[in-house]
Amino acid sequence: MLFIDEIWEAIYNKTGLLPSLETVHLELITRLEITCKKARTSNICKDFYQRAIYQALVRYIPAEMFVFTNESAICERDLIRVYG
């Protein structure tokens, strides 16, 4: 996961140009259609409808393609952010 300031720094390192953070933000929204929607989690084990949708979506993905993580894989920087 990249944060906008990391993208901004990468642009500067690659091109030598220093766009404003607002420009980088607007480009992410308009060109890549990335928005600042609030992150939401739900327990699909308790929602049978959502669980069925998830199972239908991942039905044909080989098991070796899945990667499961736990709390040790959480970036501390992510914990201070409200939006995903």
PDB file of N, CA and C in Angstrom:
ATOM      1  N   MET A   1       0.842  -1.163   0.000  1.00  0.00           N
ATOM      2  CA  MET A   1       0.000   0.000   0.000  1.00  0.00           C
ATOM      3  C   MET A   1       0.894   1.235   0.000  1.00  0.00           C
ATOM      4  N   LEU A   2       0.614   2.141  -0.894  1.00  0.00           N
ATOM      5  CA  LEU A   2       1.359   3.392  -0.957  1.00  0.00           C
ATOM      6  C   LEU A   2       0.484   4.521  -0.436  1.00  0.00           C
ATOM      7  N   PHE A   3       1.114   5.455   0.213  1.00  0.00           N
ATOM      8  CA  PHE A   3       0.425   6.649   0.661  1.00  0.00           C
ATOM      9  C   PHE A   3       0.760   7.782  -0.296  1.00  0.00           C
ATOM     10  N   ILE A   4      -0.079   8.804  -0.304  1.00  0.00           N
ATOM     11  CA  ILE A   4       0.066   9.873  -1.286  1.00  0.00           C
ATOM     12  C   ILE A   4       1.421  10.566  -1.185  1.00  0.00           C
ATOM     13  N   ASP A   5       1.954  10.699   0.030  1.00  0.00           N
ATOM     14  CA  ASP A   5       3.259  11.343   0.157  1.00  0.00           C
ATOM     15  C   ASP A   5       4.373  10.461  -0.407  1.00  0.00           C
ATOM     16  N   GLU A   6       4.199   9.149  -0.365  1.00  0.00           N
ATOM     17  CA  GLU A   6       5.188   8.244  -0.955  1.00  0.00           C
ATOM     18  C   GLU A   6       5.126   8.292  -2.479  1.00  0.00           C
ATOM     19  N   ILE A   7       3.921   8.395  -3.032  1.00  0.00           N
ATOM     20  CA  ILE A   7       3.760   8.541  -4.479  1.00  0.00           C
ATOM     21  C   ILE A   7       4.374   9.857  -4.924  1.00  0.00           C
ATOM     22  N   TRP A   8       4.115  10.913  -4.164  1.00  0.00           N
ATOM     23  CA  TRP A   8       4.650  12.244  -4.458  1.00  0.00           C
ATOM     24  C   TRP A   8       6.177  12.207  -4.484  1.00  0.00           C
ATOM     25  N   GLU A   9       6.774  11.545  -3.499  1.00  0.00           N
ATOM     26  CA  GLU A   9       8.232  11.434  -3.429  1.00  0.00           C
ATOM     27  C   GLU A   9       8.780  10.607  -4.589  1.00  0.00           C
ATOM     28  N   ALA A  10       8.076   9.543  -4.972  1.00  0.00           N
ATOM     29  CA  ALA A  10       8.515   8.708  -6.096  1.00  0.00           C
ATOM     30  C   ALA A  10       8.477   9.490  -7.405  1.00  0.00           C
ATOM     31  N   ILE A  11       7.467  10.332  -7.585  1.00  0.00           N
ATOM     32  CA  ILE A  11       7.387  11.171  -8.787  1.00  0.00           C
ATOM     33  C   ILE A  11       8.582  12.109  -8.840  1.00  0.00           C
ATOM     34  N   TYR A  12       8.910  12.715  -7.708  1.00  0.00           N
ATOM     35  CA  TYR A  12      10.056  13.622  -7.660  1.00  0.00           C
ATOM     36  C   TYR A  12      11.359  12.881  -7.949  1.00  0.00           C
ATOM     37  N   ASN A  13      11.536  11.697  -7.369  1.00  0.00           N
ATOM     38  CA  ASN A  13      12.765  10.929  -7.576  1.00  0.00           C
ATOM     39  C   ASN A  13      12.927  10.481  -9.023  1.00  0.00           C
ATOM     40  N   LYS A  14      11.831  10.162  -9.708  1.00  0.00           N
ATOM     41  CA  LYS A  14      11.895   9.678 -11.094  1.00  0.00           C
ATOM     42  C   LYS A  14      12.030  10.808 -12.106  1.00  0.00           C
ATOM     43  N   THR A  15      11.313  11.920 -11.871  1.00  0.00           N
ATOM     44  CA  THR A  15      11.247  12.966 -12.890  1.00  0.00           C
ATOM     45  C   THR A  15      11.977  14.246 -12.516  1.00  0.00           C
ATOM     46  N   GLY A  16      12.206  14.461 -11.248  1.00  0.00           N
ATOM     47  CA  GLY A  16      12.802  15.715 -10.808  1.00  0.00           C
ATOM     48  C   GLY A  16      11.772  16.827 -10.685  1.00  0.00           C
ATOM     49  N   LEU A  17      10.520  16.542 -11.043  1.00  0.00           N
ATOM     50  CA  LEU A  17       9.439  17.517 -10.927  1.00  0.00           C
ATOM     51  C   LEU A  17       8.757  17.349  -9.578  1.00  0.00           C
ATOM     52  N   LEU A  18       8.281  18.437  -9.025  1.00  0.00           N
ATOM     53  CA  LEU A  18       7.643  18.393  -7.716  1.00  0.00           C
ATOM     54  C   LEU A  18       6.213  18.932  -7.819  1.00  0.00           C
ATOM     55  N   PRO A  19       5.255  18.051  -8.193  1.00  0.00           N
ATOM     56  CA  PRO A  19       3.866  18.510  -8.253  1.00  0.00           C
ATOM     57  C   PRO A  19       3.321  18.702  -6.840  1.00  0.00           C
ATOM     58  N   SER A  20       2.241  19.436  -6.737  1.00  0.00           N
ATOM     59  CA  SER A  20       1.633  19.606  -5.416  1.00  0.00           C
ATOM     60  C   SER A  20       0.941  18.305  -5.012  1.00  0.00           C
ATOM     61  N   LEU A  21       0.763  18.133  -3.720  1.00  0.00           N
ATOM     62  CA  LEU A  21       0.056  16.944  -3.239  1.00  0.00           C
ATOM     63  C   LEU A  21      -1.377  16.916  -3.760  1.00  0.00           C
ATOM     64  N   GLU A  22      -1.970  18.098  -3.913  1.00  0.00           N
ATOM     65  CA  GLU A  22      -3.332  18.174  -4.438  1.00  0.00           C
ATOM     66  C   GLU A  22      -3.391  17.659  -5.872  1.00  0.00           C
ATOM     67  N   THR A  23      -2.376  17.982  -6.676  1.00  0.00           N
ATOM     68  CA  THR A  23      -2.323  17.498  -8.055  1.00  0.00           C
ATOM     69  C   THR A  23      -2.234  15.983  -8.090  1.00  0.00           C
ATOM     70  N   VAL A  24      -1.377  15.416  -7.254  1.00  0.00           N
ATOM     71  CA  VAL A  24      -1.247  13.957  -7.191  1.00  0.00           C
ATOM     72  C   VAL A  24      -2.578  13.344  -6.775  1.00  0.00           C
ATOM     73  N   HIS A  25      -3.217  13.934  -5.782  1.00  0.00           N
ATOM     74  CA  HIS A  25      -4.509  13.444  -5.300  1.00  0.00           C
ATOM     75  C   HIS A  25      -5.562  13.479  -6.410  1.00  0.00           C
ATOM     76  N   LEU A  26      -5.653  14.590  -7.121  1.00  0.00           N
ATOM     77  CA  LEU A  26      -6.645  14.719  -8.190  1.00  0.00           C
ATOM     78  C   LEU A  26      -6.375  13.751  -9.334  1.00  0.00           C
ATOM     79  N   GLU A  27      -5.107  13.520  -9.657  1.00  0.00           N
ATOM     80  CA  GLU A  27      -4.767  12.557 -10.711  1.00  0.00           C
ATOM     81  C   GLU A  27      -5.176  11.144 -10.309  1.00  0.00           C
ATOM     82  N   LEU A  28      -4.989  10.797  -9.049  1.00  0.00           N
ATOM     83  CA  LEU A  28      -5.409   9.478  -8.577  1.00  0.00           C
ATOM     84  C   LEU A  28      -6.921   9.308  -8.709  1.00  0.00           C
ATOM     85  N   ILE A  29      -7.649  10.374  -8.425  1.00  0.00           N
ATOM     86  CA  ILE A  29      -9.108  10.308  -8.508  1.00  0.00           C
ATOM     87  C   ILE A  29      -9.577  10.276  -9.959  1.00  0.00           C
ATOM     88  N   THR A  30      -9.055  11.172 -10.808  1.00  0.00           N
ATOM     89  CA  THR A  30      -9.575  11.292 -12.169  1.00  0.00           C
ATOM     90  C   THR A  30      -9.052  10.212 -13.114  1.00  0.00           C
ATOM     91  N   ARG A  31      -7.773   9.900 -13.048  1.00  0.00           N
ATOM     92  CA  ARG A  31      -7.211   8.926 -13.994  1.00  0.00           C
ATOM     93  C   ARG A  31      -7.355   7.487 -13.530  1.00  0.00           C
ATOM     94  N   LEU A  32      -7.140   7.238 -12.254  1.00  0.00           N
ATOM     95  CA  LEU A  32      -7.187   5.871 -11.744  1.00  0.00           C
ATOM     96  C   LEU A  32      -8.484   5.549 -11.015  1.00  0.00           C
ATOM     97  N   GLU A  33      -9.340   6.573 -10.849  1.00  0.00           N
ATOM     98  CA  GLU A  33     -10.631   6.421 -10.172  1.00  0.00           C
ATOM     99  C   GLU A  33     -10.474   5.856  -8.762  1.00  0.00           C
ATOM    100  N   ILE A  34      -9.451   6.336  -8.053  1.00  0.00           N
ATOM    101  CA  ILE A  34      -9.231   5.956  -6.661  1.00  0.00           C
ATOM    102  C   ILE A  34      -9.870   7.023  -5.788  1.00  0.00           C
ATOM    103  N   THR A  35     -10.713   6.612  -4.870  1.00  0.00           N
ATOM    104  CA  THR A  35     -11.389   7.572  -4.004  1.00  0.00           C
ATOM    105  C   THR A  35     -10.985   7.353  -2.555  1.00  0.00           C
ATOM    106  N   CYS A  36     -11.398   8.251  -1.705  1.00  0.00           N
ATOM    107  CA  CYS A  36     -11.079   8.178  -0.274  1.00  0.00           C
ATOM    108  C   CYS A  36     -12.273   7.628   0.493  1.00  0.00           C
ATOM    109  N   LYS A  37     -12.707   6.463   0.116  1.00  0.00           N
ATOM    110  CA  LYS A  37     -13.826   5.850   0.829  1.00  0.00           C
ATOM    111  C   LYS A  37     -13.338   5.298   2.153  1.00  0.00           C
ATOM    112  N   LYS A  38     -14.182   5.378   3.135  1.00  0.00           N
ATOM    113  CA  LYS A  38     -13.810   4.894   4.462  1.00  0.00           C
ATOM    114  C   LYS A  38     -13.730   3.369   4.451  1.00  0.00           C
ATOM    115  N   ALA A  39     -12.651   2.849   5.016  1.00  0.00           N
ATOM    116  CA  ALA A  39     -12.471   1.402   5.072  1.00  0.00           C
ATOM    117  C   ALA A  39     -13.502   0.788   6.005  1.00  0.00           C
ATOM    118  N   ARG A  40     -14.027  -0.363   5.607  1.00  0.00           N
ATOM    119  CA  ARG A  40     -15.044  -1.028   6.409  1.00  0.00           C
ATOM    120  C   ARG A  40     -14.764  -2.523   6.387  1.00  0.00           C
ATOM    121  N   THR A  41     -14.850  -3.138   7.514  1.00  0.00           N
ATOM    122  CA  THR A  41     -14.685  -4.585   7.582  1.00  0.00           C
ATOM    123  C   THR A  41     -15.962  -5.202   8.119  1.00  0.00           C
ATOM    124  N   SER A  42     -16.202  -6.425   7.719  1.00  0.00           N
ATOM    125  CA  SER A  42     -17.362  -7.143   8.234  1.00  0.00           C
ATOM    126  C   SER A  42     -16.986  -8.605   8.385  1.00  0.00           C
ATOM    127  N   ASN A  43     -17.660  -9.271   9.259  1.00  0.00           N
ATOM    128  CA  ASN A  43     -17.411 -10.683   9.493  1.00  0.00           C
ATOM    129  C   ASN A  43     -18.312 -11.479   8.565  1.00  0.00           C
ATOM    130  N   ILE A  44     -17.746 -12.011   7.461  1.00  0.00           N
ATOM    131  CA  ILE A  44     -18.575 -12.715   6.484  1.00  0.00           C
ATOM    132  C   ILE A  44     -19.091 -14.041   7.016  1.00  0.00           C
ATOM    133  N   CYS A  45     -18.486 -14.533   8.092  1.00  0.00           N
ATOM    134  CA  CYS A  45     -18.982 -15.778   8.693  1.00  0.00           C
ATOM    135  C   CYS A  45     -20.377 -15.579   9.268  1.00  0.00           C
ATOM    136  N   LYS A  46     -20.719 -14.360   9.645  1.00  0.00           N
ATOM    137  CA  LYS A  46     -22.026 -14.076  10.234  1.00  0.00           C
ATOM    138  C   LYS A  46     -23.049 -13.636   9.191  1.00  0.00           C
ATOM    139  N   ASP A  47     -22.599 -13.294   7.997  1.00  0.00           N
ATOM    140  CA  ASP A  47     -23.498 -12.831   6.945  1.00  0.00           C
ATOM    141  C   ASP A  47     -23.497 -13.870   5.823  1.00  0.00           C
ATOM    142  N   PHE A  48     -24.511 -14.726   5.802  1.00  0.00           N
ATOM    143  CA  PHE A  48     -24.539 -15.834   4.850  1.00  0.00           C
ATOM    144  C   PHE A  48     -24.617 -15.359   3.406  1.00  0.00           C
ATOM    145  N   TYR A  49     -25.302 -14.248   3.149  1.00  0.00           N
ATOM    146  CA  TYR A  49     -25.398 -13.712   1.794  1.00  0.00           C
ATOM    147  C   TYR A  49     -24.029 -13.243   1.307  1.00  0.00           C
ATOM    148  N   GLN A  50     -23.328 -12.453   2.125  1.00  0.00           N
ATOM    149  CA  GLN A  50     -21.996 -11.981   1.750  1.00  0.00           C
ATOM    150  C   GLN A  50     -21.023 -13.147   1.606  1.00  0.00           C
ATOM    151  N   ARG A  51     -21.165 -14.148   2.447  1.00  0.00           N
ATOM    152  CA  ARG A  51     -20.300 -15.328   2.380  1.00  0.00           C
ATOM    153  C   ARG A  51     -20.508 -16.067   1.058  1.00  0.00           C
ATOM    154  N   ALA A  52     -21.746 -16.200   0.618  1.00  0.00           N
ATOM    155  CA  ALA A  52     -22.045 -16.862  -0.651  1.00  0.00           C
ATOM    156  C   ALA A  52     -21.470 -16.080  -1.827  1.00  0.00           C
ATOM    157  N   ILE A  53     -21.568 -14.757  -1.766  1.00  0.00           N
ATOM    158  CA  ILE A  53     -20.995 -13.921  -2.825  1.00  0.00           C
ATOM    159  C   ILE A  53     -19.485 -14.101  -2.876  1.00  0.00           C
ATOM    160  N   TYR A  54     -18.837 -14.077  -1.717  1.00  0.00           N
ATOM    161  CA  TYR A  54     -17.385 -14.251  -1.651  1.00  0.00           C
ATOM    162  C   TYR A  54     -16.976 -15.616  -2.199  1.00  0.00           C
ATOM    163  N   GLN A  55     -17.675 -16.658  -1.807  1.00  0.00           N
ATOM    164  CA  GLN A  55     -17.342 -18.000  -2.274  1.00  0.00           C
ATOM    165  C   GLN A  55     -17.511 -18.114  -3.786  1.00  0.00           C
ATOM    166  N   ALA A  56     -18.526 -17.462  -4.333  1.00  0.00           N
ATOM    167  CA  ALA A  56     -18.719 -17.488  -5.784  1.00  0.00           C
ATOM    168  C   ALA A  56     -17.594 -16.749  -6.501  1.00  0.00           C
ATOM    169  N   LEU A  57     -17.110 -15.662  -5.906  1.00  0.00           N
ATOM    170  CA  LEU A  57     -16.038 -14.885  -6.532  1.00  0.00           C
ATOM    171  C   LEU A  57     -14.704 -15.617  -6.529  1.00  0.00           C
ATOM    172  N   VAL A  58     -14.420 -16.375  -5.481  1.00  0.00           N
ATOM    173  CA  VAL A  58     -13.106 -17.016  -5.357  1.00  0.00           C
ATOM    174  C   VAL A  58     -13.132 -18.493  -5.735  1.00  0.00           C
ATOM    175  N   ARG A  59     -14.232 -18.968  -6.253  1.00  0.00           N
ATOM    176  CA  ARG A  59     -14.397 -20.388  -6.549  1.00  0.00           C
ATOM    177  C   ARG A  59     -13.300 -20.944  -7.450  1.00  0.00           C
ATOM    178  N   TYR A  60     -12.907 -20.217  -8.467  1.00  0.00           N
ATOM    179  CA  TYR A  60     -11.971 -20.747  -9.460  1.00  0.00           C
ATOM    180  C   TYR A  60     -10.528 -20.297  -9.237  1.00  0.00           C
ATOM    181  N   ILE A  61     -10.259 -19.628  -8.149  1.00  0.00           N
ATOM    182  CA  ILE A  61      -8.888 -19.215  -7.838  1.00  0.00           C
ATOM    183  C   ILE A  61      -8.182 -20.381  -7.157  1.00  0.00           C
ATOM    184  N   PRO A  62      -7.007 -20.789  -7.676  1.00  0.00           N
ATOM    185  CA  PRO A  62      -6.286 -21.911  -7.057  1.00  0.00           C
ATOM    186  C   PRO A  62      -5.911 -21.594  -5.604  1.00  0.00           C
ATOM    187  N   ALA A  63      -5.976 -22.605  -4.749  1.00  0.00           N
ATOM    188  CA  ALA A  63      -5.721 -22.422  -3.316  1.00  0.00           C
ATOM    189  C   ALA A  63      -4.332 -21.867  -3.048  1.00  0.00           C
ATOM    190  N   GLU A  64      -3.341 -22.225  -3.872  1.00  0.00           N
ATOM    191  CA  GLU A  64      -1.977 -21.742  -3.631  1.00  0.00           C
ATOM    192  C   GLU A  64      -1.813 -20.252  -3.930  1.00  0.00           C
ATOM    193  N   MET A  65      -2.815 -19.619  -4.514  1.00  0.00           N
ATOM    194  CA  MET A  65      -2.756 -18.184  -4.800  1.00  0.00           C
ATOM    195  C   MET A  65      -3.167 -17.337  -3.590  1.00  0.00           C
ATOM    196  N   PHE A  66      -3.794 -17.938  -2.598  1.00  0.00           N
ATOM    197  CA  PHE A  66      -4.250 -17.196  -1.426  1.00  0.00           C
ATOM    198  C   PHE A  66      -3.111 -16.982  -0.437  1.00  0.00           C
ATOM    199  N   VAL A  67      -3.080 -15.803   0.150  1.00  0.00           N
ATOM    200  CA  VAL A  67      -2.113 -15.478   1.196  1.00  0.00           C
ATOM    201  C   VAL A  67      -2.910 -14.974   2.391  1.00  0.00           C
ATOM    202  N   PHE A  68      -2.736 -15.624   3.521  1.00  0.00           N
ATOM    203  CA  PHE A  68      -3.448 -15.242   4.734  1.00  0.00           C
ATOM    204  C   PHE A  68      -2.459 -14.610   5.702  1.00  0.00           C
ATOM    205  N   THR A  69      -2.867 -13.517   6.311  1.00  0.00           N
ATOM    206  CA  THR A  69      -1.998 -12.813   7.252  1.00  0.00           C
ATOM    207  C   THR A  69      -2.708 -12.657   8.587  1.00  0.00           C
ATOM    208  N   ASN A  70      -1.943 -12.243   9.578  1.00  0.00           N
ATOM    209  CA  ASN A  70      -2.525 -11.944  10.880  1.00  0.00           C
ATOM    210  C   ASN A  70      -2.074 -10.555  11.298  1.00  0.00           C
ATOM    211  N   GLU A  71      -2.237 -10.225  12.551  1.00  0.00           N
ATOM    212  CA  GLU A  71      -1.916  -8.886  13.024  1.00  0.00           C
ATOM    213  C   GLU A  71      -0.446  -8.526  12.865  1.00  0.00           C
ATOM    214  N   SER A  72       0.432  -9.501  12.784  1.00  0.00           N
ATOM    215  CA  SER A  72       1.860  -9.199  12.661  1.00  0.00           C
ATOM    216  C   SER A  72       2.191  -8.562  11.318  1.00  0.00           C
ATOM    217  N   ALA A  73       1.279  -8.654  10.343  1.00  0.00           N
ATOM    218  CA  ALA A  73       1.523  -8.082   9.024  1.00  0.00           C
ATOM    219  C   ALA A  73       0.950  -6.674   8.887  1.00  0.00           C
ATOM    220  N   ILE A  74       0.401  -6.130   9.948  1.00  0.00           N
ATOM    221  CA  ILE A  74      -0.202  -4.799   9.887  1.00  0.00           C
ATOM    222  C   ILE A  74       0.882  -3.737   9.970  1.00  0.00           C
ATOM    223  N   CYS A  75       0.809  -2.796   9.058  1.00  0.00           N
ATOM    224  CA  CYS A  75       1.732  -1.662   9.069  1.00  0.00           C
ATOM    225  C   CYS A  75       1.252  -0.679  10.140  1.00  0.00           C
ATOM    226  N   GLU A  76       2.137  -0.289  11.039  1.00  0.00           N
ATOM    227  CA  GLU A  76       1.741   0.638  12.104  1.00  0.00           C
ATOM    228  C   GLU A  76       1.234   1.955  11.541  1.00  0.00           C
ATOM    229  N   ARG A  77       1.738   2.332  10.375  1.00  0.00           N
ATOM    230  CA  ARG A  77       1.294   3.575   9.761  1.00  0.00           C
ATOM    231  C   ARG A  77      -0.180   3.481   9.366  1.00  0.00           C
ATOM    232  N   ASP A  78      -0.629   2.274   9.001  1.00  0.00           N
ATOM    233  CA  ASP A  78      -2.033   2.089   8.644  1.00  0.00           C
ATOM    234  C   ASP A  78      -2.955   2.311   9.831  1.00  0.00           C
ATOM    235  N   LEU A  79      -2.470   2.047  11.012  1.00  0.00           N
ATOM    236  CA  LEU A  79      -3.309   2.135  12.196  1.00  0.00           C
ATOM    237  C   LEU A  79      -3.722   3.563  12.520  1.00  0.00           C
ATOM    238  N   ILE A  80      -2.956   4.539  12.081  1.00  0.00           N
ATOM    239  CA  ILE A  80      -3.296   5.927  12.383  1.00  0.00           C
ATOM    240  C   ILE A  80      -4.184   6.545  11.314  1.00  0.00           C
ATOM    241  N   ARG A  81      -4.413   5.829  10.225  1.00  0.00           N
ATOM    242  CA  ARG A  81      -5.243   6.355   9.151  1.00  0.00           C
ATOM    243  C   ARG A  81      -6.684   5.890   9.334  1.00  0.00           C
ATOM    244  N   VAL A  82      -7.635   6.786   9.094  1.00  0.00           N
ATOM    245  CA  VAL A  82      -9.043   6.447   9.213  1.00  0.00           C
ATOM    246  C   VAL A  82      -9.582   5.957   7.881  1.00  0.00           C
ATOM    247  N   TYR A  83      -9.072   6.504   6.797  1.00  0.00           N
ATOM    248  CA  TYR A  83      -9.587   6.172   5.479  1.00  0.00           C
ATOM    249  C   TYR A  83      -8.624   5.258   4.753  1.00  0.00           C
ATOM    250  N   GLY A  84      -9.163   4.289   3.964  1.00  0.00           N
ATOM    251  CA  GLY A  84      -8.338   3.327   3.235  1.00  0.00           C
ATOM    252  C   GLY A  84      -8.126   3.715   1.815  1.00  0.00           C
TER     253      GLY A  84
END
